[in-house]
Amino acid sequence: MGTLWFREIKKQASLFLHDKYNVARLVLTDVTETELLVEEVTNDDPSSPDAKTMTKIADASFNTVDYWRIVDVLHRKKRGRRDEEVERSLQGHGVVGVLINTWSSSFAS
């Protein structure tokens, strides 16, 4: 019981610090919320991103500046990895897939 409680406290503290770090990056650097979302989605977490986050990224991609920021984040992620790691990283490809589907459906209508 004590171990589960400690893990939960540790998880909450980690989430709190991560949130404060992101807020500081938003305030002090030239980074947008969309870039933070793309970085979060393309991390090494094996679980898939939630639909709400992917919808926010897809909506932001209609803004030309945000679209190029998304592409820049994906390029930075790819540049920092070896080819084998890029192939295993399906989440980055998932973001690209959402962008392609969003843009192609908007042109079709």
PDB file of N, CA and C in Angstrom:
ATOM      1  N   MET A   1       0.821  -1.190   0.000  1.00  0.00           N
ATOM      2  CA  MET A   1       0.000   0.000   0.000  1.00  0.00           C
ATOM      3  C   MET A   1       0.864   1.253   0.000  1.00  0.00           C
ATOM      4  N   GLY A   2       1.915   1.262   0.787  1.00  0.00           N
ATOM      5  CA  GLY A   2       2.803   2.414   0.847  1.00  0.00           C
ATOM      6  C   GLY A   2       3.516   2.657  -0.476  1.00  0.00           C
ATOM      7  N   THR A   3       3.851   1.568  -1.176  1.00  0.00           N
ATOM      8  CA  THR A   3       4.542   1.701  -2.460  1.00  0.00           C
ATOM      9  C   THR A   3       3.626   2.322  -3.508  1.00  0.00           C
ATOM     10  N   LEU A   4       2.360   1.912  -3.525  1.00  0.00           N
ATOM     11  CA  LEU A   4       1.414   2.492  -4.479  1.00  0.00           C
ATOM     12  C   LEU A   4       1.205   3.973  -4.205  1.00  0.00           C
ATOM     13  N   TRP A   5       1.112   4.330  -2.947  1.00  0.00           N
ATOM     14  CA  TRP A   5       0.931   5.732  -2.568  1.00  0.00           C
ATOM     15  C   TRP A   5       2.145   6.550  -2.997  1.00  0.00           C
ATOM     16  N   PHE A   6       3.355   6.006  -2.776  1.00  0.00           N
ATOM     17  CA  PHE A   6       4.578   6.697  -3.157  1.00  0.00           C
ATOM     18  C   PHE A   6       4.650   6.878  -4.674  1.00  0.00           C
ATOM     19  N   ARG A   7       4.281   5.853  -5.427  1.00  0.00           N
ATOM     20  CA  ARG A   7       4.282   5.951  -6.897  1.00  0.00           C
ATOM     21  C   ARG A   7       3.321   7.036  -7.373  1.00  0.00           C
ATOM     22  N   GLU A   8       2.160   7.112  -6.747  1.00  0.00           N
ATOM     23  CA  GLU A   8       1.174   8.117  -7.138  1.00  0.00           C
ATOM     24  C   GLU A   8       1.690   9.525  -6.834  1.00  0.00           C
ATOM     25  N   ILE A   9       2.309   9.703  -5.681  1.00  0.00           N
ATOM     26  CA  ILE A   9       2.890  11.009  -5.330  1.00  0.00           C
ATOM     27  C   ILE A   9       4.001  11.357  -6.322  1.00  0.00           C
ATOM     28  N   LYS A  10       4.831  10.388  -6.630  1.00  0.00           N
ATOM     29  CA  LYS A  10       5.935  10.599  -7.569  1.00  0.00           C
ATOM     30  C   LYS A  10       5.400  10.974  -8.952  1.00  0.00           C
ATOM     31  N   LYS A  11       4.344  10.306  -9.392  1.00  0.00           N
ATOM     32  CA  LYS A  11       3.731  10.592 -10.697  1.00  0.00           C
ATOM     33  C   LYS A  11       3.146  12.005 -10.711  1.00  0.00           C
ATOM     34  N   GLN A  12       2.431  12.372  -9.655  1.00  0.00           N
ATOM     35  CA  GLN A  12       1.831  13.704  -9.569  1.00  0.00           C
ATOM     36  C   GLN A  12       2.906  14.791  -9.557  1.00  0.00           C
ATOM     37  N   ALA A  13       3.980  14.560  -8.837  1.00  0.00           N
ATOM     38  CA  ALA A  13       5.074  15.537  -8.789  1.00  0.00           C
ATOM     39  C   ALA A  13       5.730  15.680 -10.157  1.00  0.00           C
ATOM     40  N   SER A  14       5.903  14.574 -10.833  1.00  0.00           N
ATOM     41  CA  SER A  14       6.503  14.604 -12.168  1.00  0.00           C
ATOM     42  C   SER A  14       5.617  15.371 -13.147  1.00  0.00           C
ATOM     43  N   LEU A  15       4.324  15.117 -13.114  1.00  0.00           N
ATOM     44  CA  LEU A  15       3.398  15.828 -13.993  1.00  0.00           C
ATOM     45  C   LEU A  15       3.372  17.320 -13.679  1.00  0.00           C
ATOM     46  N   PHE A  16       3.412  17.653 -12.400  1.00  0.00           N
ATOM     47  CA  PHE A  16       3.415  19.052 -11.985  1.00  0.00           C
ATOM     48  C   PHE A  16       4.662  19.766 -12.509  1.00  0.00           C
ATOM     49  N   LEU A  17       5.828  19.156 -12.321  1.00  0.00           N
ATOM     50  CA  LEU A  17       7.072  19.764 -12.780  1.00  0.00           C
ATOM     51  C   LEU A  17       7.120  19.868 -14.303  1.00  0.00           C
ATOM     52  N   HIS A  18       6.636  18.844 -14.985  1.00  0.00           N
ATOM     53  CA  HIS A  18       6.596  18.874 -16.447  1.00  0.00           C
ATOM     54  C   HIS A  18       5.692  19.996 -16.943  1.00  0.00           C
ATOM     55  N   ASP A  19       4.559  20.183 -16.288  1.00  0.00           N
ATOM     56  CA  ASP A  19       3.635  21.260 -16.652  1.00  0.00           C
ATOM     57  C   ASP A  19       4.280  22.629 -16.430  1.00  0.00           C
ATOM     58  N   LYS A  20       4.953  22.806 -15.306  1.00  0.00           N
ATOM     59  CA  LYS A  20       5.618  24.076 -15.018  1.00  0.00           C
ATOM     60  C   LYS A  20       6.758  24.341 -16.002  1.00  0.00           C
ATOM     61  N   TYR A  21       7.460  23.300 -16.401  1.00  0.00           N
ATOM     62  CA  TYR A  21       8.519  23.426 -17.396  1.00  0.00           C
ATOM     63  C   TYR A  21       7.939  23.903 -18.733  1.00  0.00           C
ATOM     64  N   ASN A  22       6.813  23.321 -19.146  1.00  0.00           N
ATOM     65  CA  ASN A  22       6.171  23.737 -20.395  1.00  0.00           C
ATOM     66  C   ASN A  22       5.676  25.178 -20.332  1.00  0.00           C
ATOM     67  N   VAL A  23       5.125  25.579 -19.198  1.00  0.00           N
ATOM     68  CA  VAL A  23       4.674  26.965 -19.035  1.00  0.00           C
ATOM     69  C   VAL A  23       5.868  27.921 -19.145  1.00  0.00           C
ATOM     70  N   ALA A  24       6.966  27.553 -18.526  1.00  0.00           N
ATOM     71  CA  ALA A  24       8.166  28.393 -18.600  1.00  0.00           C
ATOM     72  C   ALA A  24       8.676  28.485 -20.033  1.00  0.00           C
ATOM     73  N   ARG A  25       8.624  27.398 -20.762  1.00  0.00           N
ATOM     74  CA  ARG A  25       9.051  27.434 -22.164  1.00  0.00           C
ATOM     75  C   ARG A  25       8.140  28.323 -22.992  1.00  0.00           C
ATOM     76  N   LEU A  26       6.836  28.278 -22.728  1.00  0.00           N
ATOM     77  CA  LEU A  26       5.901  29.134 -23.455  1.00  0.00           C
ATOM     78  C   LEU A  26       6.184  30.610 -23.189  1.00  0.00           C
ATOM     79  N   VAL A  27       6.511  30.928 -21.955  1.00  0.00           N
ATOM     80  CA  VAL A  27       6.721  32.321 -21.573  1.00  0.00           C
ATOM     81  C   VAL A  27       8.088  32.832 -22.022  1.00  0.00           C
ATOM     82  N   LEU A  28       9.127  32.036 -21.837  1.00  0.00           N
ATOM     83  CA  LEU A  28      10.488  32.525 -22.022  1.00  0.00           C
ATOM     84  C   LEU A  28      11.077  32.283 -23.416  1.00  0.00           C
ATOM     85  N   THR A  29      10.510  31.380 -24.179  1.00  0.00           N
ATOM     86  CA  THR A  29      11.070  31.073 -25.499  1.00  0.00           C
ATOM     87  C   THR A  29      10.012  31.259 -26.572  1.00  0.00           C
ATOM     88  N   ASP A  30      10.439  31.146 -27.793  1.00  0.00           N
ATOM     89  CA  ASP A  30       9.541  31.281 -28.930  1.00  0.00           C
ATOM     90  C   ASP A  30       8.981  29.903 -29.310  1.00  0.00           C
ATOM     91  N   VAL A  31       8.208  29.336 -28.424  1.00  0.00           N
ATOM     92  CA  VAL A  31       7.595  28.036 -28.672  1.00  0.00           C
ATOM     93  C   VAL A  31       6.088  28.197 -28.497  1.00  0.00           C
ATOM     94  N   THR A  32       5.326  27.479 -29.305  1.00  0.00           N
ATOM     95  CA  THR A  32       3.872  27.572 -29.216  1.00  0.00           C
ATOM     96  C   THR A  32       3.310  26.338 -28.522  1.00  0.00           C
ATOM     97  N   GLU A  33       2.058  26.436 -28.142  1.00  0.00           N
ATOM     98  CA  GLU A  33       1.390  25.295 -27.516  1.00  0.00           C
ATOM     99  C   GLU A  33       1.328  24.109 -28.478  1.00  0.00           C
ATOM    100  N   THR A  34       1.174  24.399 -29.756  1.00  0.00           N
ATOM    101  CA  THR A  34       1.128  23.333 -30.766  1.00  0.00           C
ATOM    102  C   THR A  34       2.443  22.565 -30.795  1.00  0.00           C
ATOM    103  N   GLU A  35       3.557  23.276 -30.738  1.00  0.00           N
ATOM    104  CA  GLU A  35       4.853  22.604 -30.728  1.00  0.00           C
ATOM    105  C   GLU A  35       5.002  21.702 -29.499  1.00  0.00           C
ATOM    106  N   LEU A  36       4.534  22.191 -28.360  1.00  0.00           N
ATOM    107  CA  LEU A  36       4.591  21.372 -27.148  1.00  0.00           C
ATOM    108  C   LEU A  36       3.736  20.118 -27.291  1.00  0.00           C
ATOM    109  N   LEU A  37       2.573  20.260 -27.912  1.00  0.00           N
ATOM    110  CA  LEU A  37       1.704  19.093 -28.127  1.00  0.00           C
ATOM    111  C   LEU A  37       2.369  18.076 -29.036  1.00  0.00           C
ATOM    112  N   VAL A  38       3.000  18.556 -30.116  1.00  0.00           N
ATOM    113  CA  VAL A  38       3.662  17.636 -31.052  1.00  0.00           C
ATOM    114  C   VAL A  38       4.829  16.941 -30.359  1.00  0.00           C
ATOM    115  N   GLU A  39       5.596  17.666 -29.551  1.00  0.00           N
ATOM    116  CA  GLU A  39       6.690  17.041 -28.808  1.00  0.00           C
ATOM    117  C   GLU A  39       6.164  15.988 -27.843  1.00  0.00           C
ATOM    118  N   GLU A  40       5.050  16.286 -27.202  1.00  0.00           N
ATOM    119  CA  GLU A  40       4.458  15.339 -26.257  1.00  0.00           C
ATOM    120  C   GLU A  40       3.962  14.083 -26.972  1.00  0.00           C
ATOM    121  N   VAL A  41       3.364  14.276 -28.137  1.00  0.00           N
ATOM    122  CA  VAL A  41       2.811  13.144 -28.891  1.00  0.00           C
ATOM    123  C   VAL A  41       3.919  12.265 -29.448  1.00  0.00           C
ATOM    124  N   THR A  42       5.032  12.866 -29.837  1.00  0.00           N
ATOM    125  CA  THR A  42       6.106  12.104 -30.470  1.00  0.00           C
ATOM    126  C   THR A  42       7.182  11.670 -29.492  1.00  0.00           C
ATOM    127  N   ASN A  43       6.897  11.684 -28.197  1.00  0.00           N
ATOM    128  CA  ASN A  43       7.887  11.203 -27.236  1.00  0.00           C
ATOM    129  C   ASN A  43       8.004   9.685 -27.340  1.00  0.00           C
ATOM    130  N   ASP A  44       8.814   9.096 -26.537  1.00  0.00           N
ATOM    131  CA  ASP A  44       9.061   7.652 -26.623  1.00  0.00           C
ATOM    132  C   ASP A  44       8.059   6.815 -25.860  1.00  0.00           C
ATOM    133  N   ASP A  45       6.953   7.403 -25.440  1.00  0.00           N
ATOM    134  CA  ASP A  45       5.912   6.673 -24.731  1.00  0.00           C
ATOM    135  C   ASP A  45       5.211   5.728 -25.714  1.00  0.00           C
ATOM    136  N   PRO A  46       5.148   4.431 -25.403  1.00  0.00           N
ATOM    137  CA  PRO A  46       4.554   3.481 -26.354  1.00  0.00           C
ATOM    138  C   PRO A  46       3.034   3.612 -26.516  1.00  0.00           C
ATOM    139  N   SER A  47       2.377   4.289 -25.586  1.00  0.00           N
ATOM    140  CA  SER A  47       0.923   4.429 -25.723  1.00  0.00           C
ATOM    141  C   SER A  47       0.598   5.456 -26.802  1.00  0.00           C
ATOM    142  N   SER A  48      -0.519   5.265 -27.446  1.00  0.00           N
ATOM    143  CA  SER A  48      -0.881   6.178 -28.526  1.00  0.00           C
ATOM    144  C   SER A  48      -1.465   7.470 -27.961  1.00  0.00           C
ATOM    145  N   PRO A  49      -1.309   8.570 -28.698  1.00  0.00           N
ATOM    146  CA  PRO A  49      -1.845   9.851 -28.214  1.00  0.00           C
ATOM    147  C   PRO A  49      -3.367   9.858 -28.255  1.00  0.00           C
ATOM    148  N   ASP A  50      -3.970  10.672 -27.418  1.00  0.00           N
ATOM    149  CA  ASP A  50      -5.426  10.730 -27.390  1.00  0.00           C
ATOM    150  C   ASP A  50      -5.952  11.553 -28.570  1.00  0.00           C
ATOM    151  N   ALA A  51      -7.201  11.314 -28.893  1.00  0.00           N
ATOM    152  CA  ALA A  51      -7.821  11.952 -30.054  1.00  0.00           C
ATOM    153  C   ALA A  51      -7.936  13.464 -29.883  1.00  0.00           C
ATOM    154  N   LYS A  52      -8.133  13.913 -28.669  1.00  0.00           N
ATOM    155  CA  LYS A  52      -8.272  15.351 -28.414  1.00  0.00           C
ATOM    156  C   LYS A  52      -6.983  16.099 -28.783  1.00  0.00           C
ATOM    157  N   THR A  53      -5.848  15.543 -28.397  1.00  0.00           N
ATOM    158  CA  THR A  53      -4.562  16.160 -28.721  1.00  0.00           C
ATOM    159  C   THR A  53      -4.326  16.155 -30.221  1.00  0.00           C
ATOM    160  N   MET A  54      -4.614  15.042 -30.862  1.00  0.00           N
ATOM    161  CA  MET A  54      -4.415  14.956 -32.313  1.00  0.00           C
ATOM    162  C   MET A  54      -5.340  15.925 -33.045  1.00  0.00           C
ATOM    163  N   THR A  55      -6.549  16.126 -32.530  1.00  0.00           N
ATOM    164  CA  THR A  55      -7.474  17.088 -33.140  1.00  0.00           C
ATOM    165  C   THR A  55      -6.933  18.505 -33.009  1.00  0.00           C
ATOM    166  N   LYS A  56      -6.371  18.838 -31.847  1.00  0.00           N
ATOM    167  CA  LYS A  56      -5.779  20.166 -31.666  1.00  0.00           C
ATOM    168  C   LYS A  56      -4.633  20.387 -32.649  1.00  0.00           C
ATOM    169  N   ILE A  57      -3.808  19.371 -32.836  1.00  0.00           N
ATOM    170  CA  ILE A  57      -2.679  19.481 -33.770  1.00  0.00           C
ATOM    171  C   ILE A  57      -3.195  19.636 -35.196  1.00  0.00           C
ATOM    172  N   ALA A  58      -4.205  18.856 -35.560  1.00  0.00           N
ATOM    173  CA  ALA A  58      -4.767  18.947 -36.910  1.00  0.00           C
ATOM    174  C   ALA A  58      -5.396  20.312 -37.149  1.00  0.00           C
ATOM    175  N   ASP A  59      -6.108  20.835 -36.175  1.00  0.00           N
ATOM    176  CA  ASP A  59      -6.708  22.165 -36.318  1.00  0.00           C
ATOM    177  C   ASP A  59      -5.640  23.245 -36.453  1.00  0.00           C
ATOM    178  N   ALA A  60      -4.579  23.118 -35.678  1.00  0.00           N
ATOM    179  CA  ALA A  60      -3.504  24.110 -35.742  1.00  0.00           C
ATOM    180  C   ALA A  60      -2.762  24.053 -37.069  1.00  0.00           C
ATOM    181  N   SER A  61      -2.781  22.909 -37.717  1.00  0.00           N
ATOM    182  CA  SER A  61      -2.035  22.772 -38.975  1.00  0.00           C
ATOM    183  C   SER A  61      -2.634  23.614 -40.101  1.00  0.00           C
ATOM    184  N   PHE A  62      -3.845  24.089 -39.950  1.00  0.00           N
ATOM    185  CA  PHE A  62      -4.438  24.949 -40.976  1.00  0.00           C
ATOM    186  C   PHE A  62      -3.827  26.350 -40.958  1.00  0.00           C
ATOM    187  N   ASN A  63      -3.191  26.709 -39.853  1.00  0.00           N
ATOM    188  CA  ASN A  63      -2.447  27.961 -39.783  1.00  0.00           C
ATOM    189  C   ASN A  63      -1.063  27.682 -40.363  1.00  0.00           C
ATOM    190  N   THR A  64      -0.660  28.436 -41.371  1.00  0.00           N
ATOM    191  CA  THR A  64       0.593  28.166 -42.074  1.00  0.00           C
ATOM    192  C   THR A  64       1.797  28.201 -41.145  1.00  0.00           C
ATOM    193  N   VAL A  65       1.836  29.163 -40.243  1.00  0.00           N
ATOM    194  CA  VAL A  65       2.970  29.267 -39.320  1.00  0.00           C
ATOM    195  C   VAL A  65       3.023  28.053 -38.403  1.00  0.00           C
ATOM    196  N   ASP A  66       1.885  27.649 -37.851  1.00  0.00           N
ATOM    197  CA  ASP A  66       1.846  26.473 -36.981  1.00  0.00           C
ATOM    198  C   ASP A  66       2.189  25.204 -37.748  1.00  0.00           C
ATOM    199  N   TYR A  67       1.737  25.117 -38.994  1.00  0.00           N
ATOM    200  CA  TYR A  67       2.051  23.935 -39.810  1.00  0.00           C
ATOM    201  C   TYR A  67       3.565  23.774 -39.935  1.00  0.00           C
ATOM    202  N   TRP A  68       4.275  24.852 -40.246  1.00  0.00           N
ATOM    203  CA  TRP A  68       5.719  24.760 -40.420  1.00  0.00           C
ATOM    204  C   TRP A  68       6.422  24.510 -39.087  1.00  0.00           C
ATOM    205  N   ARG A  69       5.835  24.979 -38.004  1.00  0.00           N
ATOM    206  CA  ARG A  69       6.402  24.670 -36.685  1.00  0.00           C
ATOM    207  C   ARG A  69       6.246  23.180 -36.368  1.00  0.00           C
ATOM    208  N   ILE A  70       5.096  22.607 -36.747  1.00  0.00           N
ATOM    209  CA  ILE A  70       4.872  21.169 -36.550  1.00  0.00           C
ATOM    210  C   ILE A  70       5.890  20.380 -37.359  1.00  0.00           C
ATOM    211  N   VAL A  71       6.064  20.752 -38.606  1.00  0.00           N
ATOM    212  CA  VAL A  71       7.024  20.062 -39.474  1.00  0.00           C
ATOM    213  C   VAL A  71       8.440  20.194 -38.906  1.00  0.00           C
ATOM    214  N   ASP A  72       8.769  21.373 -38.386  1.00  0.00           N
ATOM    215  CA  ASP A  72      10.093  21.583 -37.802  1.00  0.00           C
ATOM    216  C   ASP A  72      10.322  20.673 -36.599  1.00  0.00           C
ATOM    217  N   VAL A  73       9.313  20.530 -35.744  1.00  0.00           N
ATOM    218  CA  VAL A  73       9.446  19.638 -34.583  1.00  0.00           C
ATOM    219  C   VAL A  73       9.662  18.204 -35.051  1.00  0.00           C
ATOM    220  N   LEU A  74       8.910  17.768 -36.051  1.00  0.00           N
ATOM    221  CA  LEU A  74       9.067  16.404 -36.563  1.00  0.00           C
ATOM    222  C   LEU A  74      10.461  16.209 -37.168  1.00  0.00           C
ATOM    223  N   HIS A  75      10.970  17.215 -37.871  1.00  0.00           N
ATOM    224  CA  HIS A  75      12.319  17.110 -38.433  1.00  0.00           C
ATOM    225  C   HIS A  75      13.375  17.046 -37.334  1.00  0.00           C
ATOM    226  N   ARG A  76      13.214  17.851 -36.301  1.00  0.00           N
ATOM    227  CA  ARG A  76      14.164  17.814 -35.181  1.00  0.00           C
ATOM    228  C   ARG A  76      14.153  16.454 -34.498  1.00  0.00           C
ATOM    229  N   LYS A  77      12.954  15.879 -34.332  1.00  0.00           N
ATOM    230  CA  LYS A  77      12.852  14.556 -33.710  1.00  0.00           C
ATOM    231  C   LYS A  77      13.552  13.510 -34.570  1.00  0.00           C
ATOM    232  N   LYS A  78      13.353  13.601 -35.886  1.00  0.00           N
ATOM    233  CA  LYS A  78      13.963  12.621 -36.783  1.00  0.00           C
ATOM    234  C   LYS A  78      15.479  12.793 -36.825  1.00  0.00           C
ATOM    235  N   ARG A  79      15.951  14.024 -36.820  1.00  0.00           N
ATOM    236  CA  ARG A  79      17.377  14.307 -36.874  1.00  0.00           C
ATOM    237  C   ARG A  79      18.097  13.758 -35.642  1.00  0.00           C
ATOM    238  N   GLY A  80      17.434  13.728 -34.518  1.00  0.00           N
ATOM    239  CA  GLY A  80      18.060  13.283 -33.284  1.00  0.00           C
ATOM    240  C   GLY A  80      18.067  11.781 -33.083  1.00  0.00           C
ATOM    241  N   ARG A  81      17.529  11.036 -34.027  1.00  0.00           N
ATOM    242  CA  ARG A  81      17.429   9.582 -33.857  1.00  0.00           C
ATOM    243  C   ARG A  81      18.154   8.853 -34.968  1.00  0.00           C
ATOM    244  N   ARG A  82      18.497   7.617 -34.676  1.00  0.00           N
ATOM    245  CA  ARG A  82      19.066   6.763 -35.714  1.00  0.00           C
ATOM    246  C   ARG A  82      17.931   6.246 -36.586  1.00  0.00           C
ATOM    247  N   ASP A  83      18.269   5.715 -37.749  1.00  0.00           N
ATOM    248  CA  ASP A  83      17.260   5.243 -38.697  1.00  0.00           C
ATOM    249  C   ASP A  83      16.376   4.150 -38.106  1.00  0.00           C
ATOM    250  N   GLU A  84      16.969   3.239 -37.319  1.00  0.00           N
ATOM    251  CA  GLU A  84      16.169   2.155 -36.734  1.00  0.00           C
ATOM    252  C   GLU A  84      15.130   2.712 -35.756  1.00  0.00           C
ATOM    253  N   GLU A  85      15.540   3.727 -34.996  1.00  0.00           N
ATOM    254  CA  GLU A  85      14.612   4.323 -34.028  1.00  0.00           C
ATOM    255  C   GLU A  85      13.497   5.083 -34.732  1.00  0.00           C
ATOM    256  N   VAL A  86      13.805   5.694 -35.861  1.00  0.00           N
ATOM    257  CA  VAL A  86      12.781   6.415 -36.621  1.00  0.00           C
ATOM    258  C   VAL A  86      11.753   5.435 -37.141  1.00  0.00           C
ATOM    259  N   GLU A  87      12.196   4.293 -37.614  1.00  0.00           N
ATOM    260  CA  GLU A  87      11.264   3.284 -38.131  1.00  0.00           C
ATOM    261  C   GLU A  87      10.337   2.771 -37.036  1.00  0.00           C
ATOM    262  N   ARG A  88      10.858   2.653 -35.815  1.00  0.00           N
ATOM    263  CA  ARG A  88      10.024   2.161 -34.717  1.00  0.00           C
ATOM    264  C   ARG A  88       9.087   3.232 -34.181  1.00  0.00           C
ATOM    265  N   SER A  89       9.392   4.476 -34.446  1.00  0.00           N
ATOM    266  CA  SER A  89       8.587   5.565 -33.904  1.00  0.00           C
ATOM    267  C   SER A  89       7.362   5.789 -34.783  1.00  0.00           C
ATOM    268  N   LEU A  90       6.310   5.082 -34.496  1.00  0.00           N
ATOM    269  CA  LEU A  90       5.088   5.208 -35.284  1.00  0.00           C
ATOM    270  C   LEU A  90       4.286   6.437 -34.901  1.00  0.00           C
ATOM    271  N   GLN A  91       4.534   7.001 -33.745  1.00  0.00           N
ATOM    272  CA  GLN A  91       3.764   8.159 -33.312  1.00  0.00           C
ATOM    273  C   GLN A  91       4.056   9.363 -34.176  1.00  0.00           C
ATOM    274  N   GLY A  92       5.307   9.558 -34.542  1.00  0.00           N
ATOM    275  CA  GLY A  92       5.648  10.656 -35.445  1.00  0.00           C
ATOM    276  C   GLY A  92       4.980  10.476 -36.792  1.00  0.00           C
ATOM    277  N   HIS A  93       4.932   9.234 -37.245  1.00  0.00           N
ATOM    278  CA  HIS A  93       4.256   8.949 -38.503  1.00  0.00           C
ATOM    279  C   HIS A  93       2.748   9.139 -38.359  1.00  0.00           C
ATOM    280  N   GLY A  94       2.239   8.890 -37.158  1.00  0.00           N
ATOM    281  CA  GLY A  94       0.814   9.102 -36.912  1.00  0.00           C
ATOM    282  C   GLY A  94       0.442  10.572 -37.023  1.00  0.00           C
ATOM    283  N   VAL A  95       1.303  11.447 -36.537  1.00  0.00           N
ATOM    284  CA  VAL A  95       1.049  12.887 -36.656  1.00  0.00           C
ATOM    285  C   VAL A  95       1.046  13.283 -38.119  1.00  0.00           C
ATOM    286  N   VAL A  96       2.015  12.782 -38.873  1.00  0.00           N
ATOM    287  CA  VAL A  96       2.072  13.091 -40.306  1.00  0.00           C
ATOM    288  C   VAL A  96       0.821  12.565 -41.003  1.00  0.00           C
ATOM    289  N   GLY A  97       0.378  11.379 -40.625  1.00  0.00           N
ATOM    290  CA  GLY A  97      -0.841  10.819 -41.215  1.00  0.00           C
ATOM    291  C   GLY A  97      -2.064  11.668 -40.936  1.00  0.00           C
ATOM    292  N   VAL A  98      -2.183  12.160 -39.719  1.00  0.00           N
ATOM    293  CA  VAL A  98      -3.312  13.027 -39.381  1.00  0.00           C
ATOM    294  C   VAL A  98      -3.261  14.309 -40.197  1.00  0.00           C
ATOM    295  N   LEU A  99      -2.069  14.881 -40.331  1.00  0.00           N
ATOM    296  CA  LEU A  99      -1.935  16.105 -41.119  1.00  0.00           C
ATOM    297  C   LEU A  99      -2.312  15.869 -42.576  1.00  0.00           C
ATOM    298  N   ILE A 100      -1.858  14.760 -43.138  1.00  0.00           N
ATOM    299  CA  ILE A 100      -2.174  14.457 -44.539  1.00  0.00           C
ATOM    300  C   ILE A 100      -3.676  14.250 -44.706  1.00  0.00           C
ATOM    301  N   ASN A 101      -4.277  13.476 -43.818  1.00  0.00           N
ATOM    302  CA  ASN A 101      -5.724  13.250 -43.925  1.00  0.00           C
ATOM    303  C   ASN A 101      -6.515  14.528 -43.740  1.00  0.00           C
ATOM    304  N   THR A 102      -6.108  15.374 -42.819  1.00  0.00           N
ATOM    305  CA  THR A 102      -6.823  16.635 -42.574  1.00  0.00           C
ATOM    306  C   THR A 102      -6.725  17.536 -43.775  1.00  0.00           C
ATOM    307  N   TRP A 103      -5.530  17.694 -44.308  1.00  0.00           N
ATOM    308  CA  TRP A 103      -5.340  18.585 -45.448  1.00  0.00           C
ATOM    309  C   TRP A 103      -6.017  18.047 -46.709  1.00  0.00           C
ATOM    310  N   SER A 104      -5.926  16.728 -46.937  1.00  0.00           N
ATOM    311  CA  SER A 104      -6.531  16.170 -48.150  1.00  0.00           C
ATOM    312  C   SER A 104      -8.060  16.246 -48.096  1.00  0.00           C
ATOM    313  N   SER A 105      -8.639  16.048 -46.907  1.00  0.00           N
ATOM    314  CA  SER A 105     -10.092  16.140 -46.800  1.00  0.00           C
ATOM    315  C   SER A 105     -10.565  17.570 -46.960  1.00  0.00           C
ATOM    316  N   SER A 106      -9.753  18.538 -46.546  1.00  0.00           N
ATOM    317  CA  SER A 106     -10.159  19.946 -46.706  1.00  0.00           C
ATOM    318  C   SER A 106     -10.084  20.365 -48.162  1.00  0.00           C
ATOM    319  N   PHE A 107      -9.154  19.818 -48.922  1.00  0.00           N
ATOM    320  CA  PHE A 107      -9.068  20.147 -50.337  1.00  0.00           C
ATOM    321  C   PHE A 107     -10.172  19.453 -51.139  1.00  0.00           C
ATOM    322  N   ALA A 108     -10.598  18.287 -50.681  1.00  0.00           N
ATOM    323  CA  ALA A 108     -11.642  17.548 -51.387  1.00  0.00           C
ATOM    324  C   ALA A 108     -13.003  18.239 -51.246  1.00  0.00           C
ATOM    325  N   SER A 109     -13.215  18.939 -50.139  1.00  0.00           N
ATOM    326  CA  SER A 109     -14.527  19.561 -49.929  1.00  0.00           C
ATOM    327  C   SER A 109     -14.595  20.972 -50.419  1.00  0.00           C
TER     328      SER A 109
END
